[in-house]
Amino acid sequence: MDIRSFAITGASRRLLQGMALLAFCGSGSAVAIAQQGSASDWPTEKCNRYKKAYEQSLNRQGKQGLSPDFLASHEAFLASNCQARAEVCARSKEELDLANKLVLMAMNSGMSGTFLPFNCRK
């Protein structure tokens, strides 16, 4: 068998390149459309993910060492669908442990640090 029988002509090469380009662009468009569909409700999705992480962490860690102020501030943040101004201040070792776990879980879920409710103004 001669190697020339495997040669691709200029027209065939252009056809293959066009098909590859269409496949590449088509897959990118599908991803973009999927992202656009979920992006419109991304704030609610982030809040749902965060609520789940908070509940899981509280179930594991318990509320021992968590102040009423910390819990109330956090509950207010969740009740606002995570839209309220960040006012949750972690002070005790247990609060800091919980906050650190939640930060890691949030980052692993694709959220930014600006989403998180932790802030100590005093």
C-alpha atoms as a PDB file:
ATOM      1  CA  MET A   1       0.000   0.000   0.000  1.00  0.00           C
ATOM      2  CA  ASP A   2       1.312   3.436  -0.935  1.00  0.00           C
ATOM      3  CA  ILE A   3       1.385   6.315   1.587  1.00  0.00           C
ATOM      4  CA  ARG A   4      -0.101   8.609  -1.074  1.00  0.00           C
ATOM      5  CA  SER A   5      -3.399   6.771  -0.771  1.00  0.00           C
ATOM      6  CA  PHE A   6      -3.716   8.255   2.738  1.00  0.00           C
ATOM      7  CA  ALA A   7      -2.962  11.800   1.647  1.00  0.00           C
ATOM      8  CA  ILE A   8      -5.714  14.329   2.276  1.00  0.00           C
ATOM      9  CA  THR A   9      -6.441  16.693  -0.557  1.00  0.00           C
ATOM     10  CA  GLY A  10      -6.781  20.431   0.015  1.00  0.00           C
ATOM     11  CA  ALA A  11     -10.563  20.277  -0.374  1.00  0.00           C
ATOM     12  CA  SER A  12     -10.844  17.363   2.068  1.00  0.00           C
ATOM     13  CA  ARG A  13      -8.611  19.145   4.560  1.00  0.00           C
ATOM     14  CA  ARG A  14     -10.789  22.287   4.414  1.00  0.00           C
ATOM     15  CA  LEU A  15     -13.908  20.155   4.881  1.00  0.00           C
ATOM     16  CA  LEU A  16     -12.407  18.420   7.935  1.00  0.00           C
ATOM     17  CA  GLN A  17     -11.263  21.752   9.384  1.00  0.00           C
ATOM     18  CA  GLY A  18     -14.746  23.208   8.891  1.00  0.00           C
ATOM     19  CA  MET A  19     -16.353  20.219  10.576  1.00  0.00           C
ATOM     20  CA  ALA A  20     -13.932  20.470  13.504  1.00  0.00           C
ATOM     21  CA  LEU A  21     -14.653  24.182  13.840  1.00  0.00           C
ATOM     22  CA  LEU A  22     -18.405  23.577  13.836  1.00  0.00           C
ATOM     23  CA  ALA A  23     -18.065  20.860  16.460  1.00  0.00           C
ATOM     24  CA  PHE A  24     -15.911  23.113  18.636  1.00  0.00           C
ATOM     25  CA  CYS A  25     -18.212  26.129  18.301  1.00  0.00           C
ATOM     26  CA  GLY A  26     -21.305  24.022  18.802  1.00  0.00           C
ATOM     27  CA  SER A  27     -20.026  22.534  22.040  1.00  0.00           C
ATOM     28  CA  GLY A  28     -19.042  25.967  23.317  1.00  0.00           C
ATOM     29  CA  SER A  29     -22.488  27.307  22.534  1.00  0.00           C
ATOM     30  CA  ALA A  30     -24.142  24.480  24.413  1.00  0.00           C
ATOM     31  CA  VAL A  31     -22.001  25.223  27.452  1.00  0.00           C
ATOM     32  CA  ALA A  32     -22.740  28.938  27.201  1.00  0.00           C
ATOM     33  CA  ILE A  33     -26.477  28.299  26.937  1.00  0.00           C
ATOM     34  CA  ALA A  34     -26.390  25.951  29.925  1.00  0.00           C
ATOM     35  CA  GLN A  35     -24.503  28.540  31.965  1.00  0.00           C
ATOM     36  CA  GLN A  36     -26.898  31.296  30.947  1.00  0.00           C
ATOM     37  CA  GLY A  37     -29.889  29.212  31.972  1.00  0.00           C
ATOM     38  CA  SER A  38     -28.537  28.630  35.467  1.00  0.00           C
ATOM     39  CA  ALA A  39     -26.908  32.059  35.822  1.00  0.00           C
ATOM     40  CA  SER A  40     -30.258  33.830  36.079  1.00  0.00           C
ATOM     41  CA  ASP A  41     -30.946  32.060  39.393  1.00  0.00           C
ATOM     42  CA  TRP A  42     -27.359  31.707  40.592  1.00  0.00           C
ATOM     43  CA  PRO A  43     -27.950  33.765  43.779  1.00  0.00           C
ATOM     44  CA  THR A  44     -30.673  31.335  44.905  1.00  0.00           C
ATOM     45  CA  GLU A  45     -28.550  28.318  43.973  1.00  0.00           C
ATOM     46  CA  LYS A  46     -25.606  29.708  45.970  1.00  0.00           C
ATOM     47  CA  CYS A  47     -27.853  30.289  48.968  1.00  0.00           C
ATOM     48  CA  ASN A  48     -29.278  26.770  48.751  1.00  0.00           C
ATOM     49  CA  ARG A  49     -25.782  25.284  48.608  1.00  0.00           C
ATOM     50  CA  TYR A  50     -24.672  27.435  51.518  1.00  0.00           C
ATOM     51  CA  LYS A  51     -27.741  26.535  53.627  1.00  0.00           C
ATOM     52  CA  LYS A  52     -27.039  22.858  53.038  1.00  0.00           C
ATOM     53  CA  ALA A  53     -23.395  23.273  54.053  1.00  0.00           C
ATOM     54  CA  TYR A  54     -24.434  25.211  57.174  1.00  0.00           C
ATOM     55  CA  GLU A  55     -26.961  22.566  58.219  1.00  0.00           C
ATOM     56  CA  GLN A  56     -24.479  19.730  57.631  1.00  0.00           C
ATOM     57  CA  SER A  57     -21.796  21.526  59.610  1.00  0.00           C
ATOM     58  CA  LEU A  58     -24.129  22.292  62.524  1.00  0.00           C
ATOM     59  CA  ASN A  59     -25.284  18.663  62.604  1.00  0.00           C
ATOM     60  CA  ARG A  60     -21.671  17.486  62.856  1.00  0.00           C
ATOM     61  CA  GLN A  61     -20.311  20.174  65.145  1.00  0.00           C
ATOM     62  CA  GLY A  62     -23.359  21.064  67.210  1.00  0.00           C
ATOM     63  CA  LYS A  63     -24.132  24.484  68.671  1.00  0.00           C
ATOM     64  CA  GLN A  64     -21.830  24.192  71.689  1.00  0.00           C
ATOM     65  CA  GLY A  65     -19.672  27.343  71.826  1.00  0.00           C
ATOM     66  CA  LEU A  66     -21.759  29.254  69.280  1.00  0.00           C
ATOM     67  CA  SER A  67     -23.140  32.492  70.720  1.00  0.00           C
ATOM     68  CA  PRO A  68     -26.805  33.502  70.358  1.00  0.00           C
ATOM     69  CA  ASP A  69     -25.627  36.589  68.442  1.00  0.00           C
ATOM     70  CA  PHE A  70     -23.637  34.476  65.974  1.00  0.00           C
ATOM     71  CA  LEU A  71     -26.563  32.097  65.409  1.00  0.00           C
ATOM     72  CA  ALA A  72     -29.142  34.907  65.104  1.00  0.00           C
ATOM     73  CA  SER A  73     -27.003  36.883  62.645  1.00  0.00           C
ATOM     74  CA  HIS A  74     -26.431  33.788  60.577  1.00  0.00           C
ATOM     75  CA  GLU A  75     -30.138  32.866  60.600  1.00  0.00           C
ATOM     76  CA  ALA A  76     -31.013  36.422  59.472  1.00  0.00           C
ATOM     77  CA  PHE A  77     -28.608  36.044  56.542  1.00  0.00           C
ATOM     78  CA  LEU A  78     -30.186  32.742  55.524  1.00  0.00           C
ATOM     79  CA  ALA A  79     -33.742  34.078  55.983  1.00  0.00           C
ATOM     80  CA  SER A  80     -32.967  36.880  53.522  1.00  0.00           C
ATOM     81  CA  ASN A  81     -32.094  34.257  50.880  1.00  0.00           C
ATOM     82  CA  CYS A  82     -28.464  35.187  51.564  1.00  0.00           C
ATOM     83  CA  GLN A  83     -29.047  38.750  50.337  1.00  0.00           C
ATOM     84  CA  ALA A  84     -28.709  40.640  53.656  1.00  0.00           C
ATOM     85  CA  ARG A  85     -25.581  42.598  54.446  1.00  0.00           C
ATOM     86  CA  ALA A  86     -22.867  40.339  55.867  1.00  0.00           C
ATOM     87  CA  GLU A  87     -22.937  40.784  59.655  1.00  0.00           C
ATOM     88  CA  VAL A  88     -21.923  37.390  61.078  1.00  0.00           C
ATOM     89  CA  CYS A  89     -18.917  37.761  63.363  1.00  0.00           C
ATOM     90  CA  ALA A  90     -17.082  34.621  64.470  1.00  0.00           C
ATOM     91  CA  ARG A  91     -15.353  35.200  67.824  1.00  0.00           C
ATOM     92  CA  SER A  92     -15.109  31.925  69.764  1.00  0.00           C
ATOM     93  CA  LYS A  93     -12.978  28.963  68.724  1.00  0.00           C
ATOM     94  CA  GLU A  94     -16.120  27.024  67.762  1.00  0.00           C
ATOM     95  CA  GLU A  95     -17.476  29.939  65.705  1.00  0.00           C
ATOM     96  CA  LEU A  96     -14.154  30.312  63.905  1.00  0.00           C
ATOM     97  CA  ASP A  97     -14.023  26.556  63.254  1.00  0.00           C
ATOM     98  CA  LEU A  98     -17.536  26.642  61.785  1.00  0.00           C
ATOM     99  CA  ALA A  99     -16.798  29.761  59.716  1.00  0.00           C
ATOM    100  CA  ASN A 100     -13.612  28.200  58.332  1.00  0.00           C
ATOM    101  CA  LYS A 101     -15.459  25.018  57.360  1.00  0.00           C
ATOM    102  CA  LEU A 102     -18.195  27.044  55.662  1.00  0.00           C
ATOM    103  CA  VAL A 103     -15.659  29.135  53.742  1.00  0.00           C
ATOM    104  CA  LEU A 104     -13.975  25.994  52.413  1.00  0.00           C
ATOM    105  CA  MET A 105     -17.294  24.368  51.525  1.00  0.00           C
ATOM    106  CA  ALA A 106     -18.458  27.554  49.767  1.00  0.00           C
ATOM    107  CA  MET A 107     -15.247  27.854  47.751  1.00  0.00           C
ATOM    108  CA  ASN A 108     -15.487  24.186  46.765  1.00  0.00           C
ATOM    109  CA  SER A 109     -19.068  24.836  45.591  1.00  0.00           C
ATOM    110  CA  GLY A 110     -17.997  27.623  43.244  1.00  0.00           C
ATOM    111  CA  MET A 111     -18.951  30.629  45.362  1.00  0.00           C
ATOM    112  CA  SER A 112     -16.802  33.712  45.774  1.00  0.00           C
ATOM    113  CA  GLY A 113     -15.572  35.038  49.081  1.00  0.00           C
ATOM    114  CA  THR A 114     -17.722  38.136  48.684  1.00  0.00           C
ATOM    115  CA  PHE A 115     -20.833  35.965  49.044  1.00  0.00           C
ATOM    116  CA  LEU A 116     -20.014  34.848  52.574  1.00  0.00           C
ATOM    117  CA  PRO A 117     -21.698  36.556  55.559  1.00  0.00           C
ATOM    118  CA  PHE A 118     -18.654  36.781  57.818  1.00  0.00           C
ATOM    119  CA  ASN A 119     -17.665  40.258  58.904  1.00  0.00           C
ATOM    120  CA  CYS A 120     -16.567  41.699  62.249  1.00  0.00           C
ATOM    121  CA  ARG A 121     -17.076  45.454  62.414  1.00  0.00           C
ATOM    122  CA  LYS A 122     -16.387  45.882  66.148  1.00  0.00           C
END
